[in-house]
Amino acid sequence: MLFQRVDEYWARVFGSRVADLWSPGCSVSVSDMPGVYVLVRGQACRIAAPAAMAAALADVTRDLGADDALDPGRWPDLLPGVGSVLGPSVHAYLDSPAGLPDPDGVVEVDRGALAGLRDACQPTEWGEAGFGHTGRLFALYEGGTVVAAGNLTDWRNVPSDVGLVTHPDQRGRGYGLRVGAHVSRIAIAEAGIARYRALAGNVASRHIARRLGFVEYGSNLTIRLTDNP
């Protein structure tokens, strides 16, 4: 049931029938996204691109394998005008709070409360966790200091995209897990499903997601074009 609902969402994104969504091979659909979005599951590669480049992109990616599609180094050759390639990131989903650990002590906060944590983290990890976007913010305090934080940003027009970050000096103590449990419960209660994304190489973040019960689904790249901000 979990992946059926996820499949229905992505079928709408890529203009596909659910039954055909993950057929092996590469296909391109038109979207109003400012860049190019690549989603891979198994041996299927689905690409959403602006209308002006969709036909040409379909031609050059016709025989592109799934592994190659997730290689950021391939895209400057395939797609002139690449500004930057973000990812690959792994998607995981959860639709039941059963088994989530106790989220005791996590509170909702405003952006100012996280200034110290933001300064302690690398900008890349702050951005990967989604804190650069508008969303609901949550914090876990120990001794008056924020040791971990989470956010819920919009997915399917509801705050249900889970992002987490833990203070570099406080990692390995379960703080991220506690925050993740809290925000995941909220997402599931309000949206019916929560999504968690982490860079493929971010072993610690993906480990937290698995401990929370999230099930990995697929991987994506986001390709920004030089003529877009």
C-alpha atoms as a PDB file:
ATOM      1  CA  MET A   1       0.000   0.000   0.000  1.00  0.00           C
ATOM      2  CA  LEU A   2       2.860   2.396   0.828  1.00  0.00           C
ATOM      3  CA  PHE A   3       4.563   2.184  -2.547  1.00  0.00           C
ATOM      4  CA  GLN A   4       1.228   2.085  -4.367  1.00  0.00           C
ATOM      5  CA  ARG A   5       0.537   5.587  -3.078  1.00  0.00           C
ATOM      6  CA  VAL A   6       4.042   6.716  -3.948  1.00  0.00           C
ATOM      7  CA  ASP A   7       3.740   5.224  -7.428  1.00  0.00           C
ATOM      8  CA  GLU A   8       0.486   7.107  -7.961  1.00  0.00           C
ATOM      9  CA  TYR A   9       2.217  10.375  -7.101  1.00  0.00           C
ATOM     10  CA  TRP A  10       5.164   9.823  -9.441  1.00  0.00           C
ATOM     11  CA  ALA A  11       2.893   8.597 -12.228  1.00  0.00           C
ATOM     12  CA  ARG A  12       1.190  12.000 -12.124  1.00  0.00           C
ATOM     13  CA  VAL A  13       4.544  13.781 -12.154  1.00  0.00           C
ATOM     14  CA  PHE A  14       5.797  11.876 -15.198  1.00  0.00           C
ATOM     15  CA  GLY A  15       2.451  11.613 -16.993  1.00  0.00           C
ATOM     16  CA  SER A  16       2.531   7.831 -16.905  1.00  0.00           C
ATOM     17  CA  ARG A  17       0.138   5.014 -16.137  1.00  0.00           C
ATOM     18  CA  VAL A  18       1.045   3.431 -12.815  1.00  0.00           C
ATOM     19  CA  ALA A  19       1.416   0.066 -14.546  1.00  0.00           C
ATOM     20  CA  ASP A  20       4.037   1.491 -16.911  1.00  0.00           C
ATOM     21  CA  LEU A  21       5.800   3.806 -14.500  1.00  0.00           C
ATOM     22  CA  TRP A  22       8.811   1.602 -13.768  1.00  0.00           C
ATOM     23  CA  SER A  23       9.185  -0.295 -17.016  1.00  0.00           C
ATOM     24  CA  PRO A  24      12.905  -0.728 -17.801  1.00  0.00           C
ATOM     25  CA  GLY A  25      14.483   1.988 -19.906  1.00  0.00           C
ATOM     26  CA  CYS A  26      14.667   5.753 -20.042  1.00  0.00           C
ATOM     27  CA  SER A  27      11.807   8.123 -20.908  1.00  0.00           C
ATOM     28  CA  VAL A  28      11.355  11.908 -20.834  1.00  0.00           C
ATOM     29  CA  SER A  29       8.217  13.865 -19.959  1.00  0.00           C
ATOM     30  CA  VAL A  30       7.469  17.577 -20.083  1.00  0.00           C
ATOM     31  CA  SER A  31       7.239  19.542 -16.843  1.00  0.00           C
ATOM     32  CA  ASP A  32       7.146  23.140 -15.704  1.00  0.00           C
ATOM     33  CA  MET A  33      10.191  22.668 -13.478  1.00  0.00           C
ATOM     34  CA  PRO A  34      12.963  25.226 -14.112  1.00  0.00           C
ATOM     35  CA  GLY A  35      15.561  22.473 -14.545  1.00  0.00           C
ATOM     36  CA  VAL A  36      15.720  18.746 -15.209  1.00  0.00           C
ATOM     37  CA  TYR A  37      14.669  16.099 -12.706  1.00  0.00           C
ATOM     38  CA  VAL A  38      15.888  12.498 -12.965  1.00  0.00           C
ATOM     39  CA  LEU A  39      14.376   9.672 -10.925  1.00  0.00           C
ATOM     40  CA  VAL A  40      15.712   6.107 -11.094  1.00  0.00           C
ATOM     41  CA  ARG A  41      14.191   2.962  -9.663  1.00  0.00           C
ATOM     42  CA  GLY A  42      15.592  -0.411 -10.568  1.00  0.00           C
ATOM     43  CA  GLN A  43      16.389  -0.351 -14.279  1.00  0.00           C
ATOM     44  CA  ALA A  44      13.908   2.449 -15.014  1.00  0.00           C
ATOM     45  CA  CYS A  45      14.921   6.078 -15.504  1.00  0.00           C
ATOM     46  CA  ARG A  46      12.283   8.806 -15.649  1.00  0.00           C
ATOM     47  CA  ILE A  47      13.198  12.359 -16.610  1.00  0.00           C
ATOM     48  CA  ALA A  48      11.087  15.525 -16.350  1.00  0.00           C
ATOM     49  CA  ALA A  49      12.320  18.500 -18.383  1.00  0.00           C
ATOM     50  CA  PRO A  50      11.110  21.849 -19.737  1.00  0.00           C
ATOM     51  CA  ALA A  51       9.170  21.587 -22.988  1.00  0.00           C
ATOM     52  CA  ALA A  52      11.851  23.413 -24.992  1.00  0.00           C
ATOM     53  CA  MET A  53      14.402  20.665 -24.406  1.00  0.00           C
ATOM     54  CA  ALA A  54      12.306  17.541 -23.847  1.00  0.00           C
ATOM     55  CA  ALA A  55      12.501  16.154 -27.398  1.00  0.00           C
ATOM     56  CA  ALA A  56      16.257  16.638 -27.735  1.00  0.00           C
ATOM     57  CA  LEU A  57      16.827  15.186 -24.284  1.00  0.00           C
ATOM     58  CA  ALA A  58      14.724  12.131 -25.115  1.00  0.00           C
ATOM     59  CA  ASP A  59      16.946  11.510 -28.129  1.00  0.00           C
ATOM     60  CA  VAL A  60      20.277  11.653 -26.279  1.00  0.00           C
ATOM     61  CA  THR A  61      19.048   9.609 -23.290  1.00  0.00           C
ATOM     62  CA  ARG A  62      17.201   6.911 -25.239  1.00  0.00           C
ATOM     63  CA  ASP A  63      19.823   4.263 -24.441  1.00  0.00           C
ATOM     64  CA  LEU A  64      20.979   5.725 -21.127  1.00  0.00           C
ATOM     65  CA  GLY A  65      21.314   3.106 -18.410  1.00  0.00           C
ATOM     66  CA  ALA A  66      19.991   3.650 -14.906  1.00  0.00           C
ATOM     67  CA  ASP A  67      23.450   3.694 -13.309  1.00  0.00           C
ATOM     68  CA  ASP A  68      24.744   6.205 -15.845  1.00  0.00           C
ATOM     69  CA  ALA A  69      21.703   8.400 -15.302  1.00  0.00           C
ATOM     70  CA  LEU A  70      22.711   8.787 -11.643  1.00  0.00           C
ATOM     71  CA  ASP A  71      26.302   9.740 -12.521  1.00  0.00           C
ATOM     72  CA  PRO A  72      26.550  13.545 -12.190  1.00  0.00           C
ATOM     73  CA  GLY A  73      29.581  13.523 -14.490  1.00  0.00           C
ATOM     74  CA  ARG A  74      27.536  12.303 -17.462  1.00  0.00           C
ATOM     75  CA  TRP A  75      25.173  15.242 -17.618  1.00  0.00           C
ATOM     76  CA  PRO A  76      27.443  18.035 -18.895  1.00  0.00           C
ATOM     77  CA  ASP A  77      28.012  15.908 -22.006  1.00  0.00           C
ATOM     78  CA  LEU A  78      24.362  14.951 -22.415  1.00  0.00           C
ATOM     79  CA  LEU A  79      22.875  18.340 -21.695  1.00  0.00           C
ATOM     80  CA  PRO A  80      24.602  21.574 -22.776  1.00  0.00           C
ATOM     81  CA  GLY A  81      23.791  24.383 -20.393  1.00  0.00           C
ATOM     82  CA  VAL A  82      24.183  22.453 -17.156  1.00  0.00           C
ATOM     83  CA  GLY A  83      24.716  24.818 -14.253  1.00  0.00           C
ATOM     84  CA  SER A  84      25.012  22.287 -11.434  1.00  0.00           C
ATOM     85  CA  VAL A  85      23.983  18.718 -10.687  1.00  0.00           C
ATOM     86  CA  LEU A  86      22.615  17.933  -7.232  1.00  0.00           C
ATOM     87  CA  GLY A  87      22.626  14.371  -5.955  1.00  0.00           C
ATOM     88  CA  PRO A  88      22.234  11.528  -6.280  1.00  0.00           C
ATOM     89  CA  SER A  89      19.818  11.465  -3.371  1.00  0.00           C
ATOM     90  CA  VAL A  90      17.905   8.451  -2.083  1.00  0.00           C
ATOM     91  CA  HIS A  91      14.131   8.661  -1.486  1.00  0.00           C
ATOM     92  CA  ALA A  92      12.507   6.761   1.368  1.00  0.00           C
ATOM     93  CA  TYR A  93       8.916   6.727   2.583  1.00  0.00           C
ATOM     94  CA  LEU A  94       6.923   5.887   5.705  1.00  0.00           C
ATOM     95  CA  ASP A  95       3.157   5.807   6.274  1.00  0.00           C
ATOM     96  CA  SER A  96       2.782   4.330   9.761  1.00  0.00           C
ATOM     97  CA  PRO A  97       3.950   5.665  13.141  1.00  0.00           C
ATOM     98  CA  ALA A  98       4.090   2.139  14.547  1.00  0.00           C
ATOM     99  CA  GLY A  99       7.586   1.415  15.798  1.00  0.00           C
ATOM    100  CA  LEU A 100       8.745   5.028  15.886  1.00  0.00           C
ATOM    101  CA  PRO A 101      10.850   5.724  19.004  1.00  0.00           C
ATOM    102  CA  ASP A 102       9.736   8.089  21.746  1.00  0.00           C
ATOM    103  CA  PRO A 103      10.048  11.704  20.482  1.00  0.00           C
ATOM    104  CA  ASP A 104      10.188  13.137  24.015  1.00  0.00           C
ATOM    105  CA  GLY A 105      11.495  16.703  24.363  1.00  0.00           C
ATOM    106  CA  VAL A 106      11.116  17.930  20.758  1.00  0.00           C
ATOM    107  CA  VAL A 107       9.401  21.319  20.364  1.00  0.00           C
ATOM    108  CA  GLU A 108       8.378  23.473  17.425  1.00  0.00           C
ATOM    109  CA  VAL A 109      10.509  26.608  17.064  1.00  0.00           C
ATOM    110  CA  ASP A 110      11.077  29.594  14.801  1.00  0.00           C
ATOM    111  CA  ARG A 111      14.099  30.047  12.535  1.00  0.00           C
ATOM    112  CA  GLY A 112      15.951  32.263  15.005  1.00  0.00           C
ATOM    113  CA  ALA A 113      16.161  29.443  17.539  1.00  0.00           C
ATOM    114  CA  LEU A 114      18.324  27.450  15.141  1.00  0.00           C
ATOM    115  CA  ALA A 115      20.942  30.134  14.429  1.00  0.00           C
ATOM    116  CA  GLY A 116      23.589  28.524  16.642  1.00  0.00           C
ATOM    117  CA  LEU A 117      23.041  25.084  15.167  1.00  0.00           C
ATOM    118  CA  ARG A 118      23.163  26.484  11.637  1.00  0.00           C
ATOM    119  CA  ASP A 119      26.498  28.181  12.343  1.00  0.00           C
ATOM    120  CA  ALA A 120      27.933  24.933  13.724  1.00  0.00           C
ATOM    121  CA  CYS A 121      27.001  22.905  10.625  1.00  0.00           C
ATOM    122  CA  GLN A 122      28.483  22.881   7.160  1.00  0.00           C
ATOM    123  CA  PRO A 123      26.338  24.826   4.649  1.00  0.00           C
ATOM    124  CA  THR A 124      26.085  21.724   2.462  1.00  0.00           C
ATOM    125  CA  GLU A 125      24.593  19.561   5.209  1.00  0.00           C
ATOM    126  CA  TRP A 126      22.260  22.375   6.268  1.00  0.00           C
ATOM    127  CA  GLY A 127      21.028  22.643   2.699  1.00  0.00           C
ATOM    128  CA  GLU A 128      20.796  18.876   2.187  1.00  0.00           C
ATOM    129  CA  ALA A 129      18.488  18.643   5.208  1.00  0.00           C
ATOM    130  CA  GLY A 130      16.125  21.214   3.678  1.00  0.00           C
ATOM    131  CA  PHE A 131      16.677  24.062   6.117  1.00  0.00           C
ATOM    132  CA  GLY A 132      17.097  26.525   3.273  1.00  0.00           C
ATOM    133  CA  HIS A 133      13.411  26.175   2.419  1.00  0.00           C
ATOM    134  CA  THR A 134      10.342  27.506   4.168  1.00  0.00           C
ATOM    135  CA  GLY A 135       8.774  24.935   6.438  1.00  0.00           C
ATOM    136  CA  ARG A 136       7.906  23.958   9.982  1.00  0.00           C
ATOM    137  CA  LEU A 137      10.934  23.770  12.282  1.00  0.00           C
ATOM    138  CA  PHE A 138      11.564  21.629  15.362  1.00  0.00           C
ATOM    139  CA  ALA A 139      14.343  21.422  17.931  1.00  0.00           C
ATOM    140  CA  LEU A 140      15.637  19.204  20.698  1.00  0.00           C
ATOM    141  CA  TYR A 141      17.366  20.996  23.576  1.00  0.00           C
ATOM    142  CA  GLU A 142      19.912  19.669  26.043  1.00  0.00           C
ATOM    143  CA  GLY A 143      21.160  22.065  28.722  1.00  0.00           C
ATOM    144  CA  GLY A 144      19.585  25.012  26.921  1.00  0.00           C
ATOM    145  CA  THR A 145      21.396  24.286  23.643  1.00  0.00           C
ATOM    146  CA  VAL A 146      19.824  22.943  20.451  1.00  0.00           C
ATOM    147  CA  VAL A 147      21.479  19.571  19.838  1.00  0.00           C
ATOM    148  CA  ALA A 148      19.354  18.508  16.871  1.00  0.00           C
ATOM    149  CA  ALA A 149      16.677  19.962  14.640  1.00  0.00           C
ATOM    150  CA  GLY A 150      14.176  18.841  12.064  1.00  0.00           C
ATOM    151  CA  ASN A 151      11.953  20.398   9.481  1.00  0.00           C
ATOM    152  CA  LEU A 152       8.891  19.592   7.448  1.00  0.00           C
ATOM    153  CA  THR A 153       8.771  21.156   3.999  1.00  0.00           C
ATOM    154  CA  ASP A 154       6.097  20.729   1.372  1.00  0.00           C
ATOM    155  CA  TRP A 155       5.698  17.528  -0.583  1.00  0.00           C
ATOM    156  CA  ARG A 156       2.339  16.916  -2.322  1.00  0.00           C
ATOM    157  CA  ASN A 157       1.397  20.440  -1.105  1.00  0.00           C
ATOM    158  CA  VAL A 158       1.572  19.344   2.543  1.00  0.00           C
ATOM    159  CA  PRO A 159       4.499  19.703   4.998  1.00  0.00           C
ATOM    160  CA  SER A 160       5.631  16.078   4.875  1.00  0.00           C
ATOM    161  CA  ASP A 161       9.227  16.130   3.582  1.00  0.00           C
ATOM    162  CA  VAL A 162      11.423  15.274   6.583  1.00  0.00           C
ATOM    163  CA  GLY A 163      14.854  16.874   7.068  1.00  0.00           C
ATOM    164  CA  LEU A 164      17.198  16.391  10.026  1.00  0.00           C
ATOM    165  CA  VAL A 165      20.489  17.751  11.279  1.00  0.00           C
ATOM    166  CA  THR A 166      22.412  17.119  14.508  1.00  0.00           C
ATOM    167  CA  HIS A 167      25.037  19.381  16.076  1.00  0.00           C
ATOM    168  CA  PRO A 168      28.501  18.108  15.014  1.00  0.00           C
ATOM    169  CA  ASP A 169      29.554  17.763  18.665  1.00  0.00           C
ATOM    170  CA  GLN A 170      26.454  15.779  19.617  1.00  0.00           C
ATOM    171  CA  ARG A 171      26.270  13.095  16.961  1.00  0.00           C
ATOM    172  CA  GLY A 172      25.935   9.411  17.765  1.00  0.00           C
ATOM    173  CA  ARG A 173      23.727  10.011  20.823  1.00  0.00           C
ATOM    174  CA  GLY A 174      20.327   9.360  19.271  1.00  0.00           C
ATOM    175  CA  TYR A 175      19.243  12.996  19.129  1.00  0.00           C
ATOM    176  CA  GLY A 176      18.548  12.958  15.402  1.00  0.00           C
ATOM    177  CA  LEU A 177      16.462   9.820  15.825  1.00  0.00           C
ATOM    178  CA  ARG A 178      14.285  11.507  18.458  1.00  0.00           C
ATOM    179  CA  VAL A 179      13.686  14.561  16.302  1.00  0.00           C
ATOM    180  CA  GLY A 180      13.037  12.381  13.276  1.00  0.00           C
ATOM    181  CA  ALA A 181      10.421  10.383  15.161  1.00  0.00           C
ATOM    182  CA  HIS A 182       8.599  13.563  16.166  1.00  0.00           C
ATOM    183  CA  VAL A 183       8.463  15.181  12.742  1.00  0.00           C
ATOM    184  CA  SER A 184       7.628  11.877  11.037  1.00  0.00           C
ATOM    185  CA  ARG A 185       4.643  11.381  13.339  1.00  0.00           C
ATOM    186  CA  ILE A 186       3.365  14.844  12.448  1.00  0.00           C
ATOM    187  CA  ALA A 187       3.805  14.281   8.709  1.00  0.00           C
ATOM    188  CA  ILE A 188       1.979  10.950   8.834  1.00  0.00           C
ATOM    189  CA  ALA A 189      -0.839  12.342  10.975  1.00  0.00           C
ATOM    190  CA  GLU A 190      -1.383  15.368   8.714  1.00  0.00           C
ATOM    191  CA  ALA A 191      -0.448  14.037   5.266  1.00  0.00           C
ATOM    192  CA  GLY A 192      -0.800  10.267   5.591  1.00  0.00           C
ATOM    193  CA  ILE A 193       2.783   9.686   4.475  1.00  0.00           C
ATOM    194  CA  ALA A 194       6.263  11.085   5.137  1.00  0.00           C
ATOM    195  CA  ARG A 195       9.190  11.336   2.716  1.00  0.00           C
ATOM    196  CA  TYR A 196      12.878  11.339   3.662  1.00  0.00           C
ATOM    197  CA  ARG A 197      15.679  12.214   1.240  1.00  0.00           C
ATOM    198  CA  ALA A 198      19.431  11.933   1.845  1.00  0.00           C
ATOM    199  CA  LEU A 199      22.482  12.041  -0.371  1.00  0.00           C
ATOM    200  CA  ALA A 200      23.406   8.519  -1.440  1.00  0.00           C
ATOM    201  CA  GLY A 201      26.776   8.856   0.295  1.00  0.00           C
ATOM    202  CA  ASN A 202      25.324  10.178   3.570  1.00  0.00           C
ATOM    203  CA  VAL A 203      25.500   6.883   5.444  1.00  0.00           C
ATOM    204  CA  ALA A 204      24.552   8.373   8.830  1.00  0.00           C
ATOM    205  CA  SER A 205      21.413  10.077   7.544  1.00  0.00           C
ATOM    206  CA  ARG A 206      20.249   7.004   5.669  1.00  0.00           C
ATOM    207  CA  HIS A 207      20.875   4.897   8.785  1.00  0.00           C
ATOM    208  CA  ILE A 208      18.584   7.182  10.805  1.00  0.00           C
ATOM    209  CA  ALA A 209      15.888   6.885   8.137  1.00  0.00           C
ATOM    210  CA  ARG A 210      16.048   3.084   8.236  1.00  0.00           C
ATOM    211  CA  ARG A 211      15.877   3.051  12.040  1.00  0.00           C
ATOM    212  CA  LEU A 212      12.757   5.214  11.827  1.00  0.00           C
ATOM    213  CA  GLY A 213      11.213   2.652   9.505  1.00  0.00           C
ATOM    214  CA  PHE A 214      11.492   4.523   6.208  1.00  0.00           C
ATOM    215  CA  VAL A 215      11.715   2.220   3.188  1.00  0.00           C
ATOM    216  CA  GLU A 216      14.028   3.241   0.346  1.00  0.00           C
ATOM    217  CA  TYR A 217      12.303   3.617  -3.014  1.00  0.00           C
ATOM    218  CA  GLY A 218      14.529   5.221  -5.640  1.00  0.00           C
ATOM    219  CA  SER A 219      17.245   7.793  -6.338  1.00  0.00           C
ATOM    220  CA  ASN A 220      17.270  11.138  -8.090  1.00  0.00           C
ATOM    221  CA  LEU A 221      19.388  13.909  -9.561  1.00  0.00           C
ATOM    222  CA  THR A 222      18.308  17.528  -9.928  1.00  0.00           C
ATOM    223  CA  ILE A 223      19.989  19.386 -12.775  1.00  0.00           C
ATOM    224  CA  ARG A 224      20.043  23.163 -12.707  1.00  0.00           C
ATOM    225  CA  LEU A 225      20.563  25.021 -15.969  1.00  0.00           C
ATOM    226  CA  THR A 226      22.903  27.976 -16.404  1.00  0.00           C
ATOM    227  CA  ASP A 227      20.100  30.315 -17.444  1.00  0.00           C
ATOM    228  CA  ASN A 228      18.100  29.612 -14.279  1.00  0.00           C
ATOM    229  CA  PRO A 229      18.819  31.058 -10.823  1.00  0.00           C
END
